[in-house]
Amino acid sequence: MRFARTGEPGAERPIVSGSDGLWRDLTPLTDTIDMELVNSPERLDLGTLPVVEPGRFGPPLDRVGKIICIGLNYADHARETGATPPEEPIIFLKTADTVVGPHDDVLIPRGSKKTDWEVELAVVIGTTARYLDSVEQARACIAGYAISNDVSEREFQLERGGQWDKGKNCETFNPLGPWILSADEVADPQDLRLRLWVNGELRQNGTTADMIFGVDHLIWYLSQFMVLRPGDIINTGTPAGVAMGSATADYLKAGDVVELEIDGLGRQRQRTRQA
């Protein structure tokens, strides 16, 4: 099933869609996207819920926990940036208030010269993962999957000293959605195509099969260093094609349009404007 939130910012309501493709109002059951529902979509009797026509899609979660991001997790992306593929996952965090809807504007930070794009598979945690004993235990902790645009300012990230965080946490820097697809609908998270366009030109065209560290490994690995809780999100890395890795691609400027999609997870579209 697909779980989403629709409405104006701050007034979104939860909706759900099953095999018939119709969106239905979840407010008779909950005022939010409940991880218990996403974990067990078979509990929903969709026929009892009213059909609705979605308007604006907001972020599919209104109570995001941690956003854990994985750097350089595609070998082709590591090569294009001149980096050596890592021997262990590179971890950094984004704050929850960077999350916006999939079609909301992305703000170019003041003073920015190198705002960049990154299409990523987002993994939504549904049950607590703490010191997992094996990689095989990881899949049971996943509630679902979504599209994430890990927008980044490369000068802030790499040229201004310190850690990556200040180039990753500018406002609007994590468009998410349009929906969460429940984990039972994704047979293999390592068999999904990711694509991103800037002003209609295809910039990224990759597959999750090329991840250096797969989804299950990442969950197991992260659980050795932190507790993953329901509502946490893992941005699992981006394939080649970012502006930083190109000698000819321009970084984003106000008025640009970014579109991105992942198989089965819908499509995002953002227009950029000056902060």
C-alpha atoms as a PDB file:
ATOM      1  CA  MET A   1       0.000   0.000   0.000  1.00  0.00           C
ATOM      2  CA  ARG A   2       0.915   3.649  -0.429  1.00  0.00           C
ATOM      3  CA  PHE A   3       0.719   5.990   2.557  1.00  0.00           C
ATOM      4  CA  ALA A   4       0.791   9.763   2.102  1.00  0.00           C
ATOM      5  CA  ARG A   5      -0.360  13.093   3.535  1.00  0.00           C
ATOM      6  CA  THR A   6      -2.258  15.689   1.545  1.00  0.00           C
ATOM      7  CA  GLY A   7      -3.233  19.296   2.212  1.00  0.00           C
ATOM      8  CA  GLU A   8      -1.694  22.677   2.781  1.00  0.00           C
ATOM      9  CA  PRO A   9       1.475  22.915   4.893  1.00  0.00           C
ATOM     10  CA  GLY A  10       0.643  22.343   8.523  1.00  0.00           C
ATOM     11  CA  ALA A  11      -2.851  21.026   7.722  1.00  0.00           C
ATOM     12  CA  GLU A  12      -2.073  17.743   5.955  1.00  0.00           C
ATOM     13  CA  ARG A  13      -4.270  14.717   6.521  1.00  0.00           C
ATOM     14  CA  PRO A  14      -3.258  11.064   6.089  1.00  0.00           C
ATOM     15  CA  ILE A  15      -4.405   9.073   3.062  1.00  0.00           C
ATOM     16  CA  VAL A  16      -3.821   5.542   1.808  1.00  0.00           C
ATOM     17  CA  SER A  17      -4.026   3.791  -1.558  1.00  0.00           C
ATOM     18  CA  GLY A  18      -4.318   0.080  -2.319  1.00  0.00           C
ATOM     19  CA  SER A  19      -4.356  -2.080  -5.425  1.00  0.00           C
ATOM     20  CA  ASP A  20      -7.242  -0.160  -7.046  1.00  0.00           C
ATOM     21  CA  GLY A  21      -5.124   3.013  -7.146  1.00  0.00           C
ATOM     22  CA  LEU A  22      -7.738   5.122  -5.353  1.00  0.00           C
ATOM     23  CA  TRP A  23      -6.721   7.375  -2.494  1.00  0.00           C
ATOM     24  CA  ARG A  24      -8.767   7.030   0.705  1.00  0.00           C
ATOM     25  CA  ASP A  25      -9.029   9.193   3.795  1.00  0.00           C
ATOM     26  CA  LEU A  26      -7.334   7.712   6.876  1.00  0.00           C
ATOM     27  CA  THR A  27      -8.633  10.297   9.343  1.00  0.00           C
ATOM     28  CA  PRO A  28     -11.455   8.012  10.581  1.00  0.00           C
ATOM     29  CA  LEU A  29      -8.645   5.838  11.988  1.00  0.00           C
ATOM     30  CA  THR A  30      -5.711   8.158  12.685  1.00  0.00           C
ATOM     31  CA  ASP A  31      -4.572  11.754  12.373  1.00  0.00           C
ATOM     32  CA  THR A  32      -1.086  10.778  11.242  1.00  0.00           C
ATOM     33  CA  ILE A  33       0.795   8.088   9.318  1.00  0.00           C
ATOM     34  CA  ASP A  34       0.981   5.476  12.035  1.00  0.00           C
ATOM     35  CA  MET A  35       4.009   3.166  11.790  1.00  0.00           C
ATOM     36  CA  GLU A  36       1.901   0.289  13.127  1.00  0.00           C
ATOM     37  CA  LEU A  37      -0.423   0.670  10.142  1.00  0.00           C
ATOM     38  CA  VAL A  38       2.452   0.890   7.678  1.00  0.00           C
ATOM     39  CA  ASN A  39       4.029  -2.187   9.246  1.00  0.00           C
ATOM     40  CA  SER A  40       0.772  -4.175   8.980  1.00  0.00           C
ATOM     41  CA  PRO A  41      -1.183  -2.823   5.983  1.00  0.00           C
ATOM     42  CA  GLU A  42      -3.254  -6.000   5.850  1.00  0.00           C
ATOM     43  CA  ARG A  43      -5.114  -4.726   8.921  1.00  0.00           C
ATOM     44  CA  LEU A  44      -6.728  -1.967   6.866  1.00  0.00           C
ATOM     45  CA  ASP A  45     -10.193  -2.493   5.393  1.00  0.00           C
ATOM     46  CA  LEU A  46      -9.950   0.054   2.588  1.00  0.00           C
ATOM     47  CA  GLY A  47     -13.565  -0.449   1.580  1.00  0.00           C
ATOM     48  CA  THR A  48     -14.716   1.295   4.756  1.00  0.00           C
ATOM     49  CA  LEU A  49     -12.700   4.467   4.074  1.00  0.00           C
ATOM     50  CA  PRO A  50     -13.978   7.376   1.943  1.00  0.00           C
ATOM     51  CA  VAL A  51     -12.342   7.998  -1.433  1.00  0.00           C
ATOM     52  CA  VAL A  52     -10.626  11.398  -1.744  1.00  0.00           C
ATOM     53  CA  GLU A  53      -8.853  13.350  -4.474  1.00  0.00           C
ATOM     54  CA  PRO A  54      -5.404  14.389  -3.209  1.00  0.00           C
ATOM     55  CA  GLY A  55      -4.279  17.971  -3.509  1.00  0.00           C
ATOM     56  CA  ARG A  56      -0.768  18.950  -2.518  1.00  0.00           C
ATOM     57  CA  PHE A  57       1.314  16.056  -1.242  1.00  0.00           C
ATOM     58  CA  GLY A  58       3.143  16.949   1.952  1.00  0.00           C
ATOM     59  CA  PRO A  59       5.946  14.908   3.485  1.00  0.00           C
ATOM     60  CA  PRO A  60       4.518  11.411   4.058  1.00  0.00           C
ATOM     61  CA  LEU A  61       5.633  11.554   7.711  1.00  0.00           C
ATOM     62  CA  ASP A  62       4.841  14.395  10.094  1.00  0.00           C
ATOM     63  CA  ARG A  63       6.819  12.904  12.974  1.00  0.00           C
ATOM     64  CA  VAL A  64      10.203  12.219  11.432  1.00  0.00           C
ATOM     65  CA  GLY A  65      12.803  10.932  13.860  1.00  0.00           C
ATOM     66  CA  LYS A  66      16.461  10.842  12.879  1.00  0.00           C
ATOM     67  CA  ILE A  67      17.538  11.220   9.265  1.00  0.00           C
ATOM     68  CA  ILE A  68      20.673   9.121   8.854  1.00  0.00           C
ATOM     69  CA  CYS A  69      22.476   9.635   5.565  1.00  0.00           C
ATOM     70  CA  ILE A  70      25.038   7.428   3.859  1.00  0.00           C
ATOM     71  CA  GLY A  71      27.802   9.109   1.892  1.00  0.00           C
ATOM     72  CA  LEU A  72      29.566   7.741  -1.188  1.00  0.00           C
ATOM     73  CA  ASN A  73      27.488   4.550  -1.235  1.00  0.00           C
ATOM     74  CA  TYR A  74      27.634   4.074  -5.007  1.00  0.00           C
ATOM     75  CA  ALA A  75      31.003   3.257  -6.545  1.00  0.00           C
ATOM     76  CA  ASP A  76      30.314   5.382  -9.643  1.00  0.00           C
ATOM     77  CA  HIS A  77      29.454   8.388  -7.456  1.00  0.00           C
ATOM     78  CA  ALA A  78      32.644   7.928  -5.436  1.00  0.00           C
ATOM     79  CA  ARG A  79      34.677   7.801  -8.657  1.00  0.00           C
ATOM     80  CA  GLU A  80      33.092  10.936 -10.129  1.00  0.00           C
ATOM     81  CA  THR A  81      33.937  12.917  -6.992  1.00  0.00           C
ATOM     82  CA  GLY A  82      37.525  11.626  -6.895  1.00  0.00           C
ATOM     83  CA  ALA A  83      36.954   9.719  -3.649  1.00  0.00           C
ATOM     84  CA  THR A  84      38.044   6.196  -2.773  1.00  0.00           C
ATOM     85  CA  PRO A  85      35.060   3.877  -2.210  1.00  0.00           C
ATOM     86  CA  PRO A  86      34.720   3.515   1.573  1.00  0.00           C
ATOM     87  CA  GLU A  87      35.520   0.311   3.445  1.00  0.00           C
ATOM     88  CA  GLU A  88      32.742   1.069   5.941  1.00  0.00           C
ATOM     89  CA  PRO A  89      29.616   3.203   5.512  1.00  0.00           C
ATOM     90  CA  ILE A  90      30.117   6.963   5.817  1.00  0.00           C
ATOM     91  CA  ILE A  91      27.441   8.327   8.159  1.00  0.00           C
ATOM     92  CA  PHE A  92      26.140  11.841   8.671  1.00  0.00           C
ATOM     93  CA  LEU A  93      22.846  13.245   9.967  1.00  0.00           C
ATOM     94  CA  LYS A  94      20.234  15.650   8.666  1.00  0.00           C
ATOM     95  CA  THR A  95      17.791  17.418  10.942  1.00  0.00           C
ATOM     96  CA  ALA A  96      14.101  16.569  10.663  1.00  0.00           C
ATOM     97  CA  ASP A  97      13.170  20.176   9.872  1.00  0.00           C
ATOM     98  CA  THR A  98      14.935  19.942   6.495  1.00  0.00           C
ATOM     99  CA  VAL A  99      12.046  17.730   5.291  1.00  0.00           C
ATOM    100  CA  VAL A 100       9.519  19.276   2.899  1.00  0.00           C
ATOM    101  CA  GLY A 101       6.954  17.899   0.485  1.00  0.00           C
ATOM    102  CA  PRO A 102       7.965  16.309  -2.826  1.00  0.00           C
ATOM    103  CA  HIS A 103       6.733  19.258  -4.904  1.00  0.00           C
ATOM    104  CA  ASP A 104       7.595  22.115  -2.542  1.00  0.00           C
ATOM    105  CA  ASP A 105      10.149  24.765  -3.486  1.00  0.00           C
ATOM    106  CA  VAL A 106      13.798  24.209  -2.597  1.00  0.00           C
ATOM    107  CA  LEU A 107      15.543  27.319  -1.275  1.00  0.00           C
ATOM    108  CA  ILE A 108      19.015  28.229  -2.527  1.00  0.00           C
ATOM    109  CA  PRO A 109      20.864  29.349   0.632  1.00  0.00           C
ATOM    110  CA  ARG A 110      22.156  32.888   0.863  1.00  0.00           C
ATOM    111  CA  GLY A 111      25.750  32.978  -0.324  1.00  0.00           C
ATOM    112  CA  SER A 112      25.448  29.596  -2.045  1.00  0.00           C
ATOM    113  CA  LYS A 113      27.402  28.910  -5.217  1.00  0.00           C
ATOM    114  CA  LYS A 114      27.231  25.105  -5.257  1.00  0.00           C
ATOM    115  CA  THR A 115      23.748  23.818  -4.417  1.00  0.00           C
ATOM    116  CA  ASP A 116      23.526  20.264  -5.745  1.00  0.00           C
ATOM    117  CA  TRP A 117      20.990  17.459  -6.158  1.00  0.00           C
ATOM    118  CA  GLU A 118      20.988  13.790  -5.068  1.00  0.00           C
ATOM    119  CA  VAL A 119      18.208  11.290  -5.792  1.00  0.00           C
ATOM    120  CA  GLU A 120      18.170   8.647  -3.051  1.00  0.00           C
ATOM    121  CA  LEU A 121      16.177   5.679  -1.833  1.00  0.00           C
ATOM    122  CA  ALA A 122      14.839   6.496   1.630  1.00  0.00           C
ATOM    123  CA  VAL A 123      14.233   3.590   4.005  1.00  0.00           C
ATOM    124  CA  VAL A 124      11.603   4.205   6.688  1.00  0.00           C
ATOM    125  CA  ILE A 125      12.192   2.281   9.909  1.00  0.00           C
ATOM    126  CA  GLY A 126       9.103   0.592  11.358  1.00  0.00           C
ATOM    127  CA  THR A 127      10.381  -1.346  14.364  1.00  0.00           C
ATOM    128  CA  THR A 128      13.296  -0.725  16.713  1.00  0.00           C
ATOM    129  CA  ALA A 129      16.711  -1.947  15.572  1.00  0.00           C
ATOM    130  CA  ARG A 130      19.269  -2.181  18.379  1.00  0.00           C
ATOM    131  CA  TYR A 131      22.449  -4.250  18.140  1.00  0.00           C
ATOM    132  CA  LEU A 132      21.042  -6.575  15.491  1.00  0.00           C
ATOM    133  CA  ASP A 133      22.847  -9.915  15.557  1.00  0.00           C
ATOM    134  CA  SER A 134      22.867 -10.368  11.790  1.00  0.00           C
ATOM    135  CA  VAL A 135      22.156  -8.679   8.472  1.00  0.00           C
ATOM    136  CA  GLU A 136      19.284 -11.130   8.009  1.00  0.00           C
ATOM    137  CA  GLN A 137      17.361  -9.491  10.865  1.00  0.00           C
ATOM    138  CA  ALA A 138      17.365  -6.086   9.199  1.00  0.00           C
ATOM    139  CA  ARG A 139      14.557  -6.497   6.657  1.00  0.00           C
ATOM    140  CA  ALA A 140      11.950  -7.040   9.388  1.00  0.00           C
ATOM    141  CA  CYS A 141      12.718  -3.539  10.729  1.00  0.00           C
ATOM    142  CA  ILE A 142      11.640  -1.757   7.510  1.00  0.00           C
ATOM    143  CA  ALA A 143       8.186  -0.172   7.311  1.00  0.00           C
ATOM    144  CA  GLY A 144       8.547   1.076   3.758  1.00  0.00           C
ATOM    145  CA  TYR A 145      10.423   3.063   1.146  1.00  0.00           C
ATOM    146  CA  ALA A 146      10.225   6.568  -0.326  1.00  0.00           C
ATOM    147  CA  ILE A 147      12.088   9.011  -2.568  1.00  0.00           C
ATOM    148  CA  SER A 148      14.463  11.478  -0.951  1.00  0.00           C
ATOM    149  CA  ASN A 149      16.321  14.372  -2.557  1.00  0.00           C
ATOM    150  CA  ASP A 150      19.413  14.864  -0.398  1.00  0.00           C
ATOM    151  CA  VAL A 151      19.998  18.460  -1.511  1.00  0.00           C
ATOM    152  CA  SER A 152      23.524  19.597  -0.668  1.00  0.00           C
ATOM    153  CA  GLU A 153      25.600  22.778  -0.744  1.00  0.00           C
ATOM    154  CA  ARG A 154      29.063  21.563  -1.699  1.00  0.00           C
ATOM    155  CA  GLU A 155      31.049  24.653  -0.700  1.00  0.00           C
ATOM    156  CA  PHE A 156      29.464  24.641   2.744  1.00  0.00           C
ATOM    157  CA  GLN A 157      29.932  20.861   2.944  1.00  0.00           C
ATOM    158  CA  LEU A 158      33.521  20.517   1.771  1.00  0.00           C
ATOM    159  CA  GLU A 159      35.292  23.882   1.614  1.00  0.00           C
ATOM    160  CA  ARG A 160      34.282  25.646   4.809  1.00  0.00           C
ATOM    161  CA  GLY A 161      35.909  23.345   7.355  1.00  0.00           C
ATOM    162  CA  GLY A 162      34.379  21.019   9.918  1.00  0.00           C
ATOM    163  CA  GLN A 163      31.953  18.230   9.152  1.00  0.00           C
ATOM    164  CA  TRP A 164      29.533  17.812   6.245  1.00  0.00           C
ATOM    165  CA  ASP A 165      26.484  18.852   8.285  1.00  0.00           C
ATOM    166  CA  LYS A 166      26.413  22.553   7.415  1.00  0.00           C
ATOM    167  CA  GLY A 167      26.194  21.731   3.708  1.00  0.00           C
ATOM    168  CA  LYS A 168      23.378  19.254   4.294  1.00  0.00           C
ATOM    169  CA  ASN A 169      21.034  20.977   6.759  1.00  0.00           C
ATOM    170  CA  CYS A 170      19.895  24.150   5.033  1.00  0.00           C
ATOM    171  CA  GLU A 171      16.131  24.668   5.086  1.00  0.00           C
ATOM    172  CA  THR A 172      14.131  22.640   2.515  1.00  0.00           C
ATOM    173  CA  PHE A 173      17.151  20.393   1.834  1.00  0.00           C
ATOM    174  CA  ASN A 174      15.246  17.087   2.125  1.00  0.00           C
ATOM    175  CA  PRO A 175      12.180  16.803  -0.123  1.00  0.00           C
ATOM    176  CA  LEU A 176      10.525  13.481   0.784  1.00  0.00           C
ATOM    177  CA  GLY A 177       7.731  11.456  -0.812  1.00  0.00           C
ATOM    178  CA  PRO A 178       5.221  11.662  -2.396  1.00  0.00           C
ATOM    179  CA  TRP A 179       4.380   8.503  -0.506  1.00  0.00           C
ATOM    180  CA  ILE A 180       5.749   5.657   1.557  1.00  0.00           C
ATOM    181  CA  LEU A 181       5.355   2.333  -0.212  1.00  0.00           C
ATOM    182  CA  SER A 182       4.925  -0.426   2.359  1.00  0.00           C
ATOM    183  CA  ALA A 183       7.823  -2.871   2.521  1.00  0.00           C
ATOM    184  CA  ASP A 184       5.699  -5.832   1.426  1.00  0.00           C
ATOM    185  CA  GLU A 185       5.296  -4.144  -1.991  1.00  0.00           C
ATOM    186  CA  VAL A 186       9.051  -4.072  -2.684  1.00  0.00           C
ATOM    187  CA  ALA A 187      10.391  -7.538  -3.438  1.00  0.00           C
ATOM    188  CA  ASP A 188      14.015  -6.419  -3.666  1.00  0.00           C
ATOM    189  CA  PRO A 189      15.192  -2.942  -2.603  1.00  0.00           C
ATOM    190  CA  GLN A 190      18.432  -3.650  -4.515  1.00  0.00           C
ATOM    191  CA  ASP A 191      16.546  -3.752  -7.832  1.00  0.00           C
ATOM    192  CA  LEU A 192      15.148  -0.242  -8.237  1.00  0.00           C
ATOM    193  CA  ARG A 193      15.975   2.364 -10.876  1.00  0.00           C
ATOM    194  CA  LEU A 194      16.647   5.964  -9.781  1.00  0.00           C
ATOM    195  CA  ARG A 195      16.468   8.923 -12.174  1.00  0.00           C
ATOM    196  CA  LEU A 196      16.817  12.703 -11.842  1.00  0.00           C
ATOM    197  CA  TRP A 197      16.420  15.541 -14.338  1.00  0.00           C
ATOM    198  CA  VAL A 198      17.433  19.212 -14.102  1.00  0.00           C
ATOM    199  CA  ASN A 199      15.490  21.526 -16.411  1.00  0.00           C
ATOM    200  CA  GLY A 200      14.428  18.487 -18.420  1.00  0.00           C
ATOM    201  CA  GLU A 201      17.946  17.089 -18.885  1.00  0.00           C
ATOM    202  CA  LEU A 202      18.598  13.621 -17.442  1.00  0.00           C
ATOM    203  CA  ARG A 203      21.435  13.914 -14.948  1.00  0.00           C
ATOM    204  CA  GLN A 204      21.216  10.745 -12.843  1.00  0.00           C
ATOM    205  CA  ASN A 205      20.190   7.310 -14.093  1.00  0.00           C
ATOM    206  CA  GLY A 206      21.232   4.556 -11.721  1.00  0.00           C
ATOM    207  CA  THR A 207      20.139   1.434  -9.913  1.00  0.00           C
ATOM    208  CA  THR A 208      20.169   0.437  -6.256  1.00  0.00           C
ATOM    209  CA  ALA A 209      21.940  -2.745  -7.394  1.00  0.00           C
ATOM    210  CA  ASP A 210      25.099  -0.612  -7.516  1.00  0.00           C
ATOM    211  CA  MET A 211      25.086   0.281  -3.822  1.00  0.00           C
ATOM    212  CA  ILE A 212      28.370  -0.537  -2.107  1.00  0.00           C
ATOM    213  CA  PHE A 213      26.489  -1.342   1.112  1.00  0.00           C
ATOM    214  CA  GLY A 214      22.983  -2.698   0.601  1.00  0.00           C
ATOM    215  CA  VAL A 215      19.892  -1.709   2.566  1.00  0.00           C
ATOM    216  CA  ASP A 216      19.968  -4.681   4.934  1.00  0.00           C
ATOM    217  CA  HIS A 217      23.670  -4.228   5.661  1.00  0.00           C
ATOM    218  CA  LEU A 218      23.153  -0.537   6.408  1.00  0.00           C
ATOM    219  CA  ILE A 219      20.413  -1.211   8.962  1.00  0.00           C
ATOM    220  CA  TRP A 220      22.483  -3.895  10.677  1.00  0.00           C
ATOM    221  CA  TYR A 221      25.584  -1.665  10.644  1.00  0.00           C
ATOM    222  CA  LEU A 222      23.818   1.414  11.975  1.00  0.00           C
ATOM    223  CA  SER A 223      22.223  -0.616  14.774  1.00  0.00           C
ATOM    224  CA  GLN A 224      25.704  -1.271  16.158  1.00  0.00           C
ATOM    225  CA  PHE A 225      26.229   2.485  16.751  1.00  0.00           C
ATOM    226  CA  MET A 226      22.756   3.919  17.418  1.00  0.00           C
ATOM    227  CA  VAL A 227      19.214   2.761  18.099  1.00  0.00           C
ATOM    228  CA  LEU A 228      16.997   2.965  15.021  1.00  0.00           C
ATOM    229  CA  ARG A 229      13.415   3.742  16.020  1.00  0.00           C
ATOM    230  CA  PRO A 230      10.061   3.812  14.200  1.00  0.00           C
ATOM    231  CA  GLY A 231       9.896   6.945  12.078  1.00  0.00           C
ATOM    232  CA  ASP A 232      13.646   7.192  11.526  1.00  0.00           C
ATOM    233  CA  ILE A 233      14.734   7.556   7.897  1.00  0.00           C
ATOM    234  CA  ILE A 234      17.882   6.297   6.181  1.00  0.00           C
ATOM    235  CA  ASN A 235      18.944   8.150   3.024  1.00  0.00           C
ATOM    236  CA  THR A 236      20.930   5.382   1.388  1.00  0.00           C
ATOM    237  CA  GLY A 237      23.190   7.324  -0.983  1.00  0.00           C
ATOM    238  CA  THR A 238      23.090   8.578  -4.558  1.00  0.00           C
ATOM    239  CA  PRO A 239      24.380   7.282  -7.915  1.00  0.00           C
ATOM    240  CA  ALA A 240      26.624   9.203 -10.296  1.00  0.00           C
ATOM    241  CA  GLY A 241      25.444  12.339 -12.029  1.00  0.00           C
ATOM    242  CA  VAL A 242      25.606  15.100  -9.420  1.00  0.00           C
ATOM    243  CA  ALA A 243      26.899  18.553 -10.354  1.00  0.00           C
ATOM    244  CA  MET A 244      29.958  18.097  -8.135  1.00  0.00           C
ATOM    245  CA  GLY A 245      31.087  15.179 -10.280  1.00  0.00           C
ATOM    246  CA  SER A 246      30.703  16.928 -13.639  1.00  0.00           C
ATOM    247  CA  ALA A 247      33.041  19.282 -15.448  1.00  0.00           C
ATOM    248  CA  THR A 248      30.148  20.776 -17.415  1.00  0.00           C
ATOM    249  CA  ALA A 249      26.979  20.646 -15.281  1.00  0.00           C
ATOM    250  CA  ASP A 250      25.932  23.866 -13.569  1.00  0.00           C
ATOM    251  CA  TYR A 251      24.976  23.932  -9.920  1.00  0.00           C
ATOM    252  CA  LEU A 252      21.392  24.847  -9.131  1.00  0.00           C
ATOM    253  CA  LYS A 253      20.263  28.458  -9.331  1.00  0.00           C
ATOM    254  CA  ALA A 254      16.945  30.133  -8.624  1.00  0.00           C
ATOM    255  CA  GLY A 255      14.301  29.152 -11.163  1.00  0.00           C
ATOM    256  CA  ASP A 256      15.700  25.703 -11.960  1.00  0.00           C
ATOM    257  CA  VAL A 257      13.370  22.685 -11.962  1.00  0.00           C
ATOM    258  CA  VAL A 258      14.476  19.344 -10.504  1.00  0.00           C
ATOM    259  CA  GLU A 259      12.458  16.177 -11.161  1.00  0.00           C
ATOM    260  CA  LEU A 260      13.246  12.745  -9.740  1.00  0.00           C
ATOM    261  CA  GLU A 261      11.712   9.304  -9.576  1.00  0.00           C
ATOM    262  CA  ILE A 262      12.321   5.783  -8.298  1.00  0.00           C
ATOM    263  CA  ASP A 263      10.498   2.714  -9.592  1.00  0.00           C
ATOM    264  CA  GLY A 264       7.186   2.294  -7.754  1.00  0.00           C
ATOM    265  CA  LEU A 265       7.789   5.234  -5.425  1.00  0.00           C
ATOM    266  CA  GLY A 266       6.328   8.029  -7.516  1.00  0.00           C
ATOM    267  CA  ARG A 267       7.884  11.249  -8.717  1.00  0.00           C
ATOM    268  CA  GLN A 268       9.044  14.548  -7.222  1.00  0.00           C
ATOM    269  CA  ARG A 269       9.261  17.992  -8.809  1.00  0.00           C
ATOM    270  CA  GLN A 270      10.838  21.020  -7.177  1.00  0.00           C
ATOM    271  CA  ARG A 271      11.427  24.555  -8.372  1.00  0.00           C
ATOM    272  CA  THR A 272      14.346  26.358  -6.756  1.00  0.00           C
ATOM    273  CA  ARG A 273      14.190  29.920  -5.462  1.00  0.00           C
ATOM    274  CA  GLN A 274      16.425  32.187  -3.444  1.00  0.00           C
ATOM    275  CA  ALA A 275      16.231  31.976   0.340  1.00  0.00           C
END
